[in-house]
Amino acid sequence: MKRLPDSEFELMRIIWRSNPPVTTNQIMEQLDEGIHWKPQTVLTMLVRLMEKGFLESSRVGRERNYSPVITENTYMEVETGEFLSRYRGNSVGSLVKTMYDGKSMTKEDLEELKKWLRERE
């Protein structure tokens, strides 16, 4: 699975967080205020996402509906694994240390991390 460019990832986030299938119009309505993509730009990216195997589409009347083939969780697992391998030598401890060195962790952060560790023991 290839890493998605930021723009394609943004579209996938909209689709993952919607109630698929979604139409192009629904996607356009959910774009962040700072994003001013034309419908043709969105359609081009949707085609790319289908070619990469992230989406499937079907036609219902005049509308084309898009549904994810890959879940957000699956993609994030792969993306995180690649990041960990590339930048932190596959060391989760090194990643956590880098993220929180010099920053204060909230009690909730610590509890969440402890829970995660207990589940993996």
PDB file of N, CA and C in Angstrom:
ATOM      1  N   MET A   1       0.842  -1.173   0.000  1.00  0.00           N
ATOM      2  CA  MET A   1       0.000   0.000   0.000  1.00  0.00           C
ATOM      3  C   MET A   1       0.890   1.241   0.000  1.00  0.00           C
ATOM      4  N   LYS A   2       0.616   2.138  -0.915  1.00  0.00           N
ATOM      5  CA  LYS A   2       1.416   3.351  -1.019  1.00  0.00           C
ATOM      6  C   LYS A   2       0.879   4.434  -0.090  1.00  0.00           C
ATOM      7  N   ARG A   3       1.795   5.302   0.322  1.00  0.00           N
ATOM      8  CA  ARG A   3       1.420   6.457   1.140  1.00  0.00           C
ATOM      9  C   ARG A   3       0.615   7.423   0.287  1.00  0.00           C
ATOM     10  N   LEU A   4      -0.451   7.950   0.857  1.00  0.00           N
ATOM     11  CA  LEU A   4      -1.287   8.905   0.144  1.00  0.00           C
ATOM     12  C   LEU A   4      -0.734  10.322   0.273  1.00  0.00           C
ATOM     13  N   PRO A   5      -0.754  11.082  -0.818  1.00  0.00           N
ATOM     14  CA  PRO A   5      -0.443  12.507  -0.692  1.00  0.00           C
ATOM     15  C   PRO A   5      -1.482  13.163   0.230  1.00  0.00           C
ATOM     16  N   ASP A   6      -1.128  14.299   0.807  1.00  0.00           N
ATOM     17  CA  ASP A   6      -2.018  14.960   1.765  1.00  0.00           C
ATOM     18  C   ASP A   6      -3.410  15.226   1.200  1.00  0.00           C
ATOM     19  N   SER A   7      -3.493  15.651  -0.044  1.00  0.00           N
ATOM     20  CA  SER A   7      -4.801  15.971  -0.628  1.00  0.00           C
ATOM     21  C   SER A   7      -5.685  14.723  -0.740  1.00  0.00           C
ATOM     22  N   GLU A   8      -5.115  13.623  -1.170  1.00  0.00           N
ATOM     23  CA  GLU A   8      -5.889  12.381  -1.283  1.00  0.00           C
ATOM     24  C   GLU A   8      -6.249  11.849   0.092  1.00  0.00           C
ATOM     25  N   PHE A   9      -5.343  11.998   1.042  1.00  0.00           N
ATOM     26  CA  PHE A   9      -5.639  11.577   2.412  1.00  0.00           C
ATOM     27  C   PHE A   9      -6.813  12.385   2.972  1.00  0.00           C
ATOM     28  N   GLU A  10      -6.857  13.684   2.671  1.00  0.00           N
ATOM     29  CA  GLU A  10      -7.957  14.535   3.127  1.00  0.00           C
ATOM     30  C   GLU A  10      -9.289  14.029   2.584  1.00  0.00           C
ATOM     31  N   LEU A  11      -9.321  13.655   1.307  1.00  0.00           N
ATOM     32  CA  LEU A  11     -10.547  13.105   0.732  1.00  0.00           C
ATOM     33  C   LEU A  11     -10.927  11.785   1.399  1.00  0.00           C
ATOM     34  N   MET A  12      -9.937  10.935   1.627  1.00  0.00           N
ATOM     35  CA  MET A  12     -10.231   9.655   2.276  1.00  0.00           C
ATOM     36  C   MET A  12     -10.767   9.875   3.696  1.00  0.00           C
ATOM     37  N   ARG A  13     -10.229  10.844   4.411  1.00  0.00           N
ATOM     38  CA  ARG A  13     -10.734  11.132   5.760  1.00  0.00           C
ATOM     39  C   ARG A  13     -12.207  11.526   5.712  1.00  0.00           C
ATOM     40  N   ILE A  14     -12.576  12.319   4.725  1.00  0.00           N
ATOM     41  CA  ILE A  14     -13.986  12.706   4.575  1.00  0.00           C
ATOM     42  C   ILE A  14     -14.837  11.472   4.319  1.00  0.00           C
ATOM     43  N   ILE A  15     -14.378  10.619   3.433  1.00  0.00           N
ATOM     44  CA  ILE A  15     -15.139   9.416   3.086  1.00  0.00           C
ATOM     45  C   ILE A  15     -15.215   8.467   4.278  1.00  0.00           C
ATOM     46  N   TRP A  16     -14.096   8.248   4.974  1.00  0.00           N
ATOM     47  CA  TRP A  16     -14.099   7.368   6.136  1.00  0.00           C
ATOM     48  C   TRP A  16     -15.051   7.868   7.217  1.00  0.00           C
ATOM     49  N   ARG A  17     -15.129   9.175   7.395  1.00  0.00           N
ATOM     50  CA  ARG A  17     -15.933   9.742   8.475  1.00  0.00           C
ATOM     51  C   ARG A  17     -17.386   9.983   8.080  1.00  0.00           C
ATOM     52  N   SER A  18     -17.710   9.718   6.831  1.00  0.00           N
ATOM     53  CA  SER A  18     -19.087   9.846   6.361  1.00  0.00           C
ATOM     54  C   SER A  18     -19.775   8.503   6.522  1.00  0.00           C
ATOM     55  N   ASN A  19     -20.991   8.456   6.090  1.00  0.00           N
ATOM     56  CA  ASN A  19     -21.709   7.188   6.080  1.00  0.00           C
ATOM     57  C   ASN A  19     -21.704   6.692   4.639  1.00  0.00           C
ATOM     58  N   PRO A  20     -20.635   5.952   4.254  1.00  0.00           N
ATOM     59  CA  PRO A  20     -20.507   5.556   2.852  1.00  0.00           C
ATOM     60  C   PRO A  20     -21.694   4.711   2.398  1.00  0.00           C
ATOM     61  N   PRO A  21     -22.021   4.755   1.124  1.00  0.00           N
ATOM     62  CA  PRO A  21     -21.312   5.460   0.063  1.00  0.00           C
ATOM     63  C   PRO A  21     -21.618   6.956   0.087  1.00  0.00           C
ATOM     64  N   VAL A  22     -20.681   7.743  -0.474  1.00  0.00           N
ATOM     65  CA  VAL A  22     -20.857   9.192  -0.538  1.00  0.00           C
ATOM     66  C   VAL A  22     -20.755   9.653  -1.989  1.00  0.00           C
ATOM     67  N   THR A  23     -21.383  10.774  -2.266  1.00  0.00           N
ATOM     68  CA  THR A  23     -21.328  11.350  -3.606  1.00  0.00           C
ATOM     69  C   THR A  23     -20.291  12.464  -3.636  1.00  0.00           C
ATOM     70  N   THR A  24     -19.960  12.902  -4.834  1.00  0.00           N
ATOM     71  CA  THR A  24     -19.022  14.009  -4.986  1.00  0.00           C
ATOM     72  C   THR A  24     -19.564  15.260  -4.302  1.00  0.00           C
ATOM     73  N   ASN A  25     -20.856  15.509  -4.448  1.00  0.00           N
ATOM     74  CA  ASN A  25     -21.458  16.687  -3.805  1.00  0.00           C
ATOM     75  C   ASN A  25     -21.323  16.619  -2.286  1.00  0.00           C
ATOM     76  N   GLN A  26     -21.535  15.453  -1.700  1.00  0.00           N
ATOM     77  CA  GLN A  26     -21.377  15.313  -0.250  1.00  0.00           C
ATOM     78  C   GLN A  26     -19.939  15.578   0.174  1.00  0.00           C
ATOM     79  N   ILE A  27     -18.995  15.109  -0.616  1.00  0.00           N
ATOM     80  CA  ILE A  27     -17.583  15.354  -0.315  1.00  0.00           C
ATOM     81  C   ILE A  27     -17.294  16.846  -0.395  1.00  0.00           C
ATOM     82  N   MET A  28     -17.771  17.498  -1.445  1.00  0.00           N
ATOM     83  CA  MET A  28     -17.535  18.936  -1.619  1.00  0.00           C
ATOM     84  C   MET A  28     -18.089  19.728  -0.436  1.00  0.00           C
ATOM     85  N   GLU A  29     -19.238  19.337   0.074  1.00  0.00           N
ATOM     86  CA  GLU A  29     -19.849  20.025   1.209  1.00  0.00           C
ATOM     87  C   GLU A  29     -19.028  19.889   2.485  1.00  0.00           C
ATOM     88  N   GLN A  30     -18.254  18.819   2.594  1.00  0.00           N
ATOM     89  CA  GLN A  30     -17.511  18.550   3.820  1.00  0.00           C
ATOM     90  C   GLN A  30     -16.056  19.030   3.783  1.00  0.00           C
ATOM     91  N   LEU A  31     -15.629  19.597   2.676  1.00  0.00           N
ATOM     92  CA  LEU A  31     -14.259  20.109   2.609  1.00  0.00           C
ATOM     93  C   LEU A  31     -14.078  21.233   3.614  1.00  0.00           C
ATOM     94  N   ASP A  32     -12.922  21.272   4.237  1.00  0.00           N
ATOM     95  CA  ASP A  32     -12.609  22.348   5.180  1.00  0.00           C
ATOM     96  C   ASP A  32     -12.720  23.697   4.487  1.00  0.00           C
ATOM     97  N   GLU A  33     -13.022  24.713   5.264  1.00  0.00           N
ATOM     98  CA  GLU A  33     -13.212  26.056   4.712  1.00  0.00           C
ATOM     99  C   GLU A  33     -12.006  26.557   3.932  1.00  0.00           C
ATOM    100  N   GLY A  34     -10.818  26.172   4.335  1.00  0.00           N
ATOM    101  CA  GLY A  34      -9.610  26.650   3.668  1.00  0.00           C
ATOM    102  C   GLY A  34      -9.305  25.949   2.364  1.00  0.00           C
ATOM    103  N   ILE A  35     -10.047  24.915   2.034  1.00  0.00           N
ATOM    104  CA  ILE A  35      -9.802  24.154   0.811  1.00  0.00           C
ATOM    105  C   ILE A  35     -10.820  24.578  -0.238  1.00  0.00           C
ATOM    106  N   HIS A  36     -10.332  25.054  -1.364  1.00  0.00           N
ATOM    107  CA  HIS A  36     -11.202  25.550  -2.427  1.00  0.00           C
ATOM    108  C   HIS A  36     -10.958  24.766  -3.709  1.00  0.00           C
ATOM    109  N   TRP A  37     -11.182  23.458  -3.643  1.00  0.00           N
ATOM    110  CA  TRP A  37     -10.991  22.633  -4.826  1.00  0.00           C
ATOM    111  C   TRP A  37     -12.224  22.707  -5.709  1.00  0.00           C
ATOM    112  N   LYS A  38     -11.982  22.695  -7.000  1.00  0.00           N
ATOM    113  CA  LYS A  38     -13.072  22.637  -7.964  1.00  0.00           C
ATOM    114  C   LYS A  38     -13.557  21.197  -8.041  1.00  0.00           C
ATOM    115  N   PRO A  39     -14.823  20.993  -8.418  1.00  0.00           N
ATOM    116  CA  PRO A  39     -15.341  19.619  -8.532  1.00  0.00           C
ATOM    117  C   PRO A  39     -14.476  18.727  -9.418  1.00  0.00           C
ATOM    118  N   GLN A  40     -13.929  19.264 -10.509  1.00  0.00           N
ATOM    119  CA  GLN A  40     -13.091  18.459 -11.399  1.00  0.00           C
ATOM    120  C   GLN A  40     -11.826  17.974 -10.692  1.00  0.00           C
ATOM    121  N   THR A  41     -11.274  18.808  -9.818  1.00  0.00           N
ATOM    122  CA  THR A  41     -10.092  18.416  -9.047  1.00  0.00           C
ATOM    123  C   THR A  41     -10.433  17.251  -8.131  1.00  0.00           C
ATOM    124  N   VAL A  42     -11.576  17.351  -7.470  1.00  0.00           N
ATOM    125  CA  VAL A  42     -12.011  16.272  -6.577  1.00  0.00           C
ATOM    126  C   VAL A  42     -12.241  14.995  -7.370  1.00  0.00           C
ATOM    127  N   LEU A  43     -12.888  15.105  -8.530  1.00  0.00           N
ATOM    128  CA  LEU A  43     -13.128  13.920  -9.365  1.00  0.00           C
ATOM    129  C   LEU A  43     -11.819  13.268  -9.799  1.00  0.00           C
ATOM    130  N   THR A  44     -10.841  14.077 -10.157  1.00  0.00           N
ATOM    131  CA  THR A  44      -9.530  13.542 -10.554  1.00  0.00           C
ATOM    132  C   THR A  44      -8.900  12.766  -9.404  1.00  0.00           C
ATOM    133  N   MET A  45      -8.963  13.326  -8.198  1.00  0.00           N
ATOM    134  CA  MET A  45      -8.378  12.631  -7.050  1.00  0.00           C
ATOM    135  C   MET A  45      -9.159  11.361  -6.716  1.00  0.00           C
ATOM    136  N   LEU A  46     -10.471  11.386  -6.877  1.00  0.00           N
ATOM    137  CA  LEU A  46     -11.273  10.184  -6.624  1.00  0.00           C
ATOM    138  C   LEU A  46     -10.895   9.067  -7.595  1.00  0.00           C
ATOM    139  N   VAL A  47     -10.667   9.425  -8.848  1.00  0.00           N
ATOM    140  CA  VAL A  47     -10.234   8.426  -9.835  1.00  0.00           C
ATOM    141  C   VAL A  47      -8.880   7.845  -9.432  1.00  0.00           C
ATOM    142  N   ARG A  48      -7.963   8.695  -9.000  1.00  0.00           N
ATOM    143  CA  ARG A  48      -6.651   8.209  -8.548  1.00  0.00           C
ATOM    144  C   ARG A  48      -6.800   7.250  -7.372  1.00  0.00           C
ATOM    145  N   LEU A  49      -7.674   7.599  -6.441  1.00  0.00           N
ATOM    146  CA  LEU A  49      -7.879   6.733  -5.273  1.00  0.00           C
ATOM    147  C   LEU A  49      -8.476   5.389  -5.674  1.00  0.00           C
ATOM    148  N   MET A  50      -9.321   5.389  -6.692  1.00  0.00           N
ATOM    149  CA  MET A  50      -9.846   4.113  -7.188  1.00  0.00           C
ATOM    150  C   MET A  50      -8.734   3.302  -7.845  1.00  0.00           C
ATOM    151  N   GLU A  51      -7.892   3.965  -8.641  1.00  0.00           N
ATOM    152  CA  GLU A  51      -6.788   3.277  -9.309  1.00  0.00           C
ATOM    153  C   GLU A  51      -5.807   2.683  -8.306  1.00  0.00           C
ATOM    154  N   LYS A  52      -5.643   3.349  -7.170  1.00  0.00           N
ATOM    155  CA  LYS A  52      -4.737   2.858  -6.124  1.00  0.00           C
ATOM    156  C   LYS A  52      -5.384   1.790  -5.245  1.00  0.00           C
ATOM    157  N   GLY A  53      -6.672   1.528  -5.440  1.00  0.00           N
ATOM    158  CA  GLY A  53      -7.344   0.491  -4.682  1.00  0.00           C
ATOM    159  C   GLY A  53      -7.924   0.946  -3.355  1.00  0.00           C
ATOM    160  N   PHE A  54      -8.017   2.250  -3.132  1.00  0.00           N
ATOM    161  CA  PHE A  54      -8.571   2.760  -1.884  1.00  0.00           C
ATOM    162  C   PHE A  54     -10.081   2.906  -1.930  1.00  0.00           C
ATOM    163  N   LEU A  55     -10.637   3.116  -3.128  1.00  0.00           N
ATOM    164  CA  LEU A  55     -12.068   3.341  -3.286  1.00  0.00           C
ATOM    165  C   LEU A  55     -12.644   2.433  -4.350  1.00  0.00           C
ATOM    166  N   GLU A  56     -13.953   2.220  -4.227  1.00  0.00           N
ATOM    167  CA  GLU A  56     -14.720   1.629  -5.312  1.00  0.00           C
ATOM    168  C   GLU A  56     -15.900   2.553  -5.551  1.00  0.00           C
ATOM    169  N   SER A  57     -16.445   2.494  -6.757  1.00  0.00           N
ATOM    170  CA  SER A  57     -17.564   3.383  -7.053  1.00  0.00           C
ATOM    171  C   SER A  57     -18.651   2.619  -7.788  1.00  0.00           C
ATOM    172  N   SER A  58     -19.842   3.181  -7.686  1.00  0.00           N
ATOM    173  CA  SER A  58     -20.981   2.631  -8.404  1.00  0.00           C
ATOM    174  C   SER A  58     -21.848   3.805  -8.837  1.00  0.00           C
ATOM    175  N   ARG A  59     -22.590   3.595  -9.881  1.00  0.00           N
ATOM    176  CA  ARG A  59     -23.459   4.652 -10.389  1.00  0.00           C
ATOM    177  C   ARG A  59     -24.880   4.356  -9.928  1.00  0.00           C
ATOM    178  N   VAL A  60     -25.520   5.387  -9.368  1.00  0.00           N
ATOM    179  CA  VAL A  60     -26.920   5.307  -8.966  1.00  0.00           C
ATOM    180  C   VAL A  60     -27.612   6.478  -9.652  1.00  0.00           C
ATOM    181  N   GLY A  61     -28.331   6.190 -10.722  1.00  0.00           N
ATOM    182  CA  GLY A  61     -28.934   7.264 -11.509  1.00  0.00           C
ATOM    183  C   GLY A  61     -27.835   8.094 -12.136  1.00  0.00           C
ATOM    184  N   ARG A  62     -27.867   9.394 -11.906  1.00  0.00           N
ATOM    185  CA  ARG A  62     -26.848  10.283 -12.469  1.00  0.00           C
ATOM    186  C   ARG A  62     -25.672  10.477 -11.529  1.00  0.00           C
ATOM    187  N   GLU A  63     -25.808  10.013 -10.308  1.00  0.00           N
ATOM    188  CA  GLU A  63     -24.761  10.202  -9.296  1.00  0.00           C
ATOM    189  C   GLU A  63     -23.808   9.016  -9.276  1.00  0.00           C
ATOM    190  N   ARG A  64     -22.578   9.290  -8.936  1.00  0.00           N
ATOM    191  CA  ARG A  64     -21.597   8.235  -8.696  1.00  0.00           C
ATOM    192  C   ARG A  64     -21.348   8.212  -7.197  1.00  0.00           C
ATOM    193  N   ASN A  65     -21.435   7.017  -6.619  1.00  0.00           N
ATOM    194  CA  ASN A  65     -21.214   6.821  -5.186  1.00  0.00           C
ATOM    195  C   ASN A  65     -19.849   6.195  -4.957  1.00  0.00           C
ATOM    196  N   TYR A  66     -19.179   6.633  -3.891  1.00  0.00           N
ATOM    197  CA  TYR A  66     -17.844   6.147  -3.562  1.00  0.00           C
ATOM    198  C   TYR A  66     -17.853   5.511  -2.183  1.00  0.00           C
ATOM    199  N   SER A  67     -17.204   4.363  -2.086  1.00  0.00           N
ATOM    200  CA  SER A  67     -17.080   3.647  -0.820  1.00  0.00           C
ATOM    201  C   SER A  67     -15.631   3.236  -0.616  1.00  0.00           C
ATOM    202  N   PRO A  68     -15.160   3.280   0.623  1.00  0.00           N
ATOM    203  CA  PRO A  68     -13.770   2.881   0.879  1.00  0.00           C
ATOM    204  C   PRO A  68     -13.600   1.371   0.763  1.00  0.00           C
ATOM    205  N   VAL A  69     -12.490   0.973   0.215  1.00  0.00           N
ATOM    206  CA  VAL A  69     -12.104  -0.443   0.160  1.00  0.00           C
ATOM    207  C   VAL A  69     -11.199  -0.747   1.353  1.00  0.00           C
ATOM    208  N   ILE A  70     -10.412   0.244   1.743  1.00  0.00           N
ATOM    209  CA  ILE A  70      -9.470   0.116   2.855  1.00  0.00           C
ATOM    210  C   ILE A  70      -9.981   0.967   4.006  1.00  0.00           C
ATOM    211  N   THR A  71      -9.987   0.392   5.205  1.00  0.00           N
ATOM    212  CA  THR A  71     -10.463   1.137   6.363  1.00  0.00           C
ATOM    213  C   THR A  71      -9.410   2.153   6.814  1.00  0.00           C
ATOM    214  N   GLU A  72      -9.881   3.150   7.523  1.00  0.00           N
ATOM    215  CA  GLU A  72      -8.965   4.155   8.054  1.00  0.00           C
ATOM    216  C   GLU A  72      -7.961   3.501   9.001  1.00  0.00           C
ATOM    217  N   ASN A  73      -8.432   2.590   9.824  1.00  0.00           N
ATOM    218  CA  ASN A  73      -7.559   1.924  10.785  1.00  0.00           C
ATOM    219  C   ASN A  73      -6.456   1.136  10.072  1.00  0.00           C
ATOM    220  N   THR A  74      -6.811   0.422   9.028  1.00  0.00           N
ATOM    221  CA  THR A  74      -5.822  -0.344   8.264  1.00  0.00           C
ATOM    222  C   THR A  74      -4.775   0.588   7.666  1.00  0.00           C
ATOM    223  N   TYR A  75      -5.228   1.680   7.057  1.00  0.00           N
ATOM    224  CA  TYR A  75      -4.285   2.617   6.460  1.00  0.00           C
ATOM    225  C   TYR A  75      -3.370   3.221   7.524  1.00  0.00           C
ATOM    226  N   MET A  76      -3.939   3.626   8.647  1.00  0.00           N
ATOM    227  CA  MET A  76      -3.144   4.258   9.694  1.00  0.00           C
ATOM    228  C   MET A  76      -2.127   3.286  10.289  1.00  0.00           C
ATOM    229  N   GLU A  77      -2.476   2.017  10.391  1.00  0.00           N
ATOM    230  CA  GLU A  77      -1.524   1.014  10.878  1.00  0.00           C
ATOM    231  C   GLU A  77      -0.324   0.917   9.943  1.00  0.00           C
ATOM    232  N   VAL A  78      -0.587   0.863   8.642  1.00  0.00           N
ATOM    233  CA  VAL A  78       0.493   0.772   7.663  1.00  0.00           C
ATOM    234  C   VAL A  78       1.341   2.043   7.682  1.00  0.00           C
ATOM    235  N   GLU A  79       0.668   3.196   7.677  1.00  0.00           N
ATOM    236  CA  GLU A  79       1.371   4.481   7.662  1.00  0.00           C
ATOM    237  C   GLU A  79       2.236   4.642   8.916  1.00  0.00           C
ATOM    238  N   THR A  80       1.696   4.290  10.059  1.00  0.00           N
ATOM    239  CA  THR A  80       2.439   4.404  11.309  1.00  0.00           C
ATOM    240  C   THR A  80       3.620   3.440  11.329  1.00  0.00           C
ATOM    241  N   GLY A  81       3.403   2.228  10.828  1.00  0.00           N
ATOM    242  CA  GLY A  81       4.489   1.255  10.758  1.00  0.00           C
ATOM    243  C   GLY A  81       5.623   1.732   9.871  1.00  0.00           C
ATOM    244  N   GLU A  82       5.272   2.320   8.736  1.00  0.00           N
ATOM    245  CA  GLU A  82       6.290   2.861   7.829  1.00  0.00           C
ATOM    246  C   GLU A  82       7.061   3.995   8.497  1.00  0.00           C
ATOM    247  N   PHE A  83       6.340   4.889   9.176  1.00  0.00           N
ATOM    248  CA  PHE A  83       6.981   6.005   9.863  1.00  0.00           C
ATOM    249  C   PHE A  83       7.932   5.488  10.936  1.00  0.00           C
ATOM    250  N   LEU A  84       7.456   4.540  11.725  1.00  0.00           N
ATOM    251  CA  LEU A  84       8.257   3.980  12.811  1.00  0.00           C
ATOM    252  C   LEU A  84       9.520   3.322  12.269  1.00  0.00           C
ATOM    253  N   SER A  85       9.364   2.579  11.195  1.00  0.00           N
ATOM    254  CA  SER A  85      10.511   1.901  10.585  1.00  0.00           C
ATOM    255  C   SER A  85      11.511   2.903  10.014  1.00  0.00           C
ATOM    256  N   ARG A  86      11.001   3.890   9.326  1.00  0.00           N
ATOM    257  CA  ARG A  86      11.871   4.836   8.628  1.00  0.00           C
ATOM    258  C   ARG A  86      12.594   5.802   9.563  1.00  0.00           C
ATOM    259  N   TYR A  87      11.881   6.318  10.559  1.00  0.00           N
ATOM    260  CA  TYR A  87      12.447   7.387  11.378  1.00  0.00           C
ATOM    261  C   TYR A  87      12.881   6.978  12.779  1.00  0.00           C
ATOM    262  N   ARG A  88      12.336   5.924  13.321  1.00  0.00           N
ATOM    263  CA  ARG A  88      12.639   5.579  14.711  1.00  0.00           C
ATOM    264  C   ARG A  88      13.213   4.178  14.859  1.00  0.00           C
ATOM    265  N   GLY A  89      13.678   3.565  13.799  1.00  0.00           N
ATOM    266  CA  GLY A  89      14.320   2.260  13.885  1.00  0.00           C
ATOM    267  C   GLY A  89      13.427   1.189  14.485  1.00  0.00           C
ATOM    268  N   ASN A  90      12.136   1.257  14.231  1.00  0.00           N
ATOM    269  CA  ASN A  90      11.137   0.306  14.743  1.00  0.00           C
ATOM    270  C   ASN A  90      11.050   0.290  16.263  1.00  0.00           C
ATOM    271  N   SER A  91      11.488   1.332  16.901  1.00  0.00           N
ATOM    272  CA  SER A  91      11.440   1.395  18.358  1.00  0.00           C
ATOM    273  C   SER A  91      10.269   2.261  18.820  1.00  0.00           C
ATOM    274  N   VAL A  92       9.252   1.618  19.378  1.00  0.00           N
ATOM    275  CA  VAL A  92       8.096   2.349  19.902  1.00  0.00           C
ATOM    276  C   VAL A  92       8.531   3.239  21.064  1.00  0.00           C
ATOM    277  N   GLY A  93       9.422   2.724  21.903  1.00  0.00           N
ATOM    278  CA  GLY A  93       9.918   3.508  23.035  1.00  0.00           C
ATOM    279  C   GLY A  93      10.602   4.778  22.576  1.00  0.00           C
ATOM    280  N   SER A  94      11.402   4.681  21.527  1.00  0.00           N
ATOM    281  CA  SER A  94      12.077   5.847  20.988  1.00  0.00           C
ATOM    282  C   SER A  94      11.073   6.850  20.434  1.00  0.00           C
ATOM    283  N   LEU A  95      10.040   6.361  19.787  1.00  0.00           N
ATOM    284  CA  LEU A  95       9.007   7.240  19.253  1.00  0.00           C
ATOM    285  C   LEU A  95       8.287   7.985  20.372  1.00  0.00           C
ATOM    286  N   VAL A  96       7.879   7.261  21.414  1.00  0.00           N
ATOM    287  CA  VAL A  96       7.166   7.883  22.531  1.00  0.00           C
ATOM    288  C   VAL A  96       8.062   8.897  23.227  1.00  0.00           C
ATOM    289  N   LYS A  97       9.322   8.530  23.430  1.00  0.00           N
ATOM    290  CA  LYS A  97      10.263   9.448  24.076  1.00  0.00           C
ATOM    291  C   LYS A  97      10.413  10.726  23.261  1.00  0.00           C
ATOM    292  N   THR A  98      10.543  10.597  21.952  1.00  0.00           N
ATOM    293  CA  THR A  98      10.669  11.761  21.086  1.00  0.00           C
ATOM    294  C   THR A  98       9.427  12.634  21.146  1.00  0.00           C
ATOM    295  N   MET A  99       8.278  12.008  21.179  1.00  0.00           N
ATOM    296  CA  MET A  99       7.027  12.760  21.184  1.00  0.00           C
ATOM    297  C   MET A  99       6.827  13.547  22.469  1.00  0.00           C
ATOM    298  N   TYR A 100       7.307  13.013  23.589  1.00  0.00           N
ATOM    299  CA  TYR A 100       6.986  13.624  24.876  1.00  0.00           C
ATOM    300  C   TYR A 100       8.166  14.222  25.625  1.00  0.00           C
ATOM    301  N   ASP A 101       9.367  14.133  25.075  1.00  0.00           N
ATOM    302  CA  ASP A 101      10.503  14.778  25.741  1.00  0.00           C
ATOM    303  C   ASP A 101      10.282  16.283  25.786  1.00  0.00           C
ATOM    304  N   GLY A 102      10.355  16.825  26.958  1.00  0.00           N
ATOM    305  CA  GLY A 102      10.218  18.268  27.115  1.00  0.00           C
ATOM    306  C   GLY A 102       8.790  18.769  27.079  1.00  0.00           C
ATOM    307  N   LYS A 103       7.834  17.876  26.863  1.00  0.00           N
ATOM    308  CA  LYS A 103       6.427  18.258  26.838  1.00  0.00           C
ATOM    309  C   LYS A 103       5.731  17.592  28.013  1.00  0.00           C
ATOM    310  N   SER A 104       4.781  18.258  28.547  1.00  0.00           N
ATOM    311  CA  SER A 104       4.071  17.659  29.673  1.00  0.00           C
ATOM    312  C   SER A 104       2.967  16.742  29.159  1.00  0.00           C
ATOM    313  N   MET A 105       2.920  15.566  29.740  1.00  0.00           N
ATOM    314  CA  MET A 105       1.858  14.626  29.423  1.00  0.00           C
ATOM    315  C   MET A 105       0.753  14.813  30.451  1.00  0.00           C
ATOM    316  N   THR A 106      -0.464  14.793  29.979  1.00  0.00           N
ATOM    317  CA  THR A 106      -1.584  14.899  30.899  1.00  0.00           C
ATOM    318  C   THR A 106      -1.789  13.567  31.591  1.00  0.00           C
ATOM    319  N   LYS A 107      -2.531  13.594  32.658  1.00  0.00           N
ATOM    320  CA  LYS A 107      -2.851  12.360  33.365  1.00  0.00           C
ATOM    321  C   LYS A 107      -3.601  11.404  32.439  1.00  0.00           C
ATOM    322  N   GLU A 108      -4.455  11.960  31.591  1.00  0.00           N
ATOM    323  CA  GLU A 108      -5.211  11.139  30.636  1.00  0.00           C
ATOM    324  C   GLU A 108      -4.272  10.492  29.618  1.00  0.00           C
ATOM    325  N   ASP A 109      -3.260  11.236  29.163  1.00  0.00           N
ATOM    326  CA  ASP A 109      -2.276  10.672  28.232  1.00  0.00           C
ATOM    327  C   ASP A 109      -1.560   9.483  28.855  1.00  0.00           C
ATOM    328  N   LEU A 110      -1.126   9.668  30.102  1.00  0.00           N
ATOM    329  CA  LEU A 110      -0.410   8.592  30.795  1.00  0.00           C
ATOM    330  C   LEU A 110      -1.300   7.380  31.006  1.00  0.00           C
ATOM    331  N   GLU A 111      -2.549   7.596  31.387  1.00  0.00           N
ATOM    332  CA  GLU A 111      -3.468   6.478  31.595  1.00  0.00           C
ATOM    333  C   GLU A 111      -3.732   5.725  30.298  1.00  0.00           C
ATOM    334  N   GLU A 112      -3.886   6.470  29.220  1.00  0.00           N
ATOM    335  CA  GLU A 112      -4.107   5.837  27.921  1.00  0.00           C
ATOM    336  C   GLU A 112      -2.900   4.998  27.513  1.00  0.00           C
ATOM    337  N   LEU A 113      -1.704   5.517  27.738  1.00  0.00           N
ATOM    338  CA  LEU A 113      -0.491   4.790  27.409  1.00  0.00           C
ATOM    339  C   LEU A 113      -0.337   3.547  28.285  1.00  0.00           C
ATOM    340  N   LYS A 114      -0.620   3.673  29.582  1.00  0.00           N
ATOM    341  CA  LYS A 114      -0.550   2.523  30.485  1.00  0.00           C
ATOM    342  C   LYS A 114      -1.547   1.446  30.078  1.00  0.00           C
ATOM    343  N   LYS A 115      -2.755   1.856  29.717  1.00  0.00           N
ATOM    344  CA  LYS A 115      -3.780   0.896  29.287  1.00  0.00           C
ATOM    345  C   LYS A 115      -3.310   0.147  28.045  1.00  0.00           C
ATOM    346  N   TRP A 116      -2.764   0.903  27.094  1.00  0.00           N
ATOM    347  CA  TRP A 116      -2.271   0.300  25.869  1.00  0.00           C
ATOM    348  C   TRP A 116      -1.180  -0.724  26.151  1.00  0.00           C
ATOM    349  N   LEU A 117      -0.255  -0.371  27.064  1.00  0.00           N
ATOM    350  CA  LEU A 117       0.829  -1.288  27.421  1.00  0.00           C
ATOM    351  C   LEU A 117       0.320  -2.541  28.115  1.00  0.00           C
ATOM    352  N   ARG A 118      -0.643  -2.381  29.038  1.00  0.00           N
ATOM    353  CA  ARG A 118      -1.217  -3.540  29.730  1.00  0.00           C
ATOM    354  C   ARG A 118      -1.890  -4.505  28.752  1.00  0.00           C
ATOM    355  N   GLU A 119      -2.564  -3.968  27.752  1.00  0.00           N
ATOM    356  CA  GLU A 119      -3.258  -4.801  26.764  1.00  0.00           C
ATOM    357  C   GLU A 119      -2.282  -5.613  25.927  1.00  0.00           C
ATOM    358  N   ARG A 120      -1.063  -5.156  25.805  1.00  0.00           N
ATOM    359  CA  ARG A 120      -0.089  -5.853  24.975  1.00  0.00           C
ATOM    360  C   ARG A 120       0.810  -6.798  25.755  1.00  0.00           C
ATOM    361  N   GLU A 121       0.706  -6.800  27.088  1.00  0.00           N
ATOM    362  CA  GLU A 121       1.540  -7.691  27.906  1.00  0.00           C
ATOM    363  C   GLU A 121       1.038  -9.118  27.830  1.00  0.00           C
TER     364      GLU A 121
END
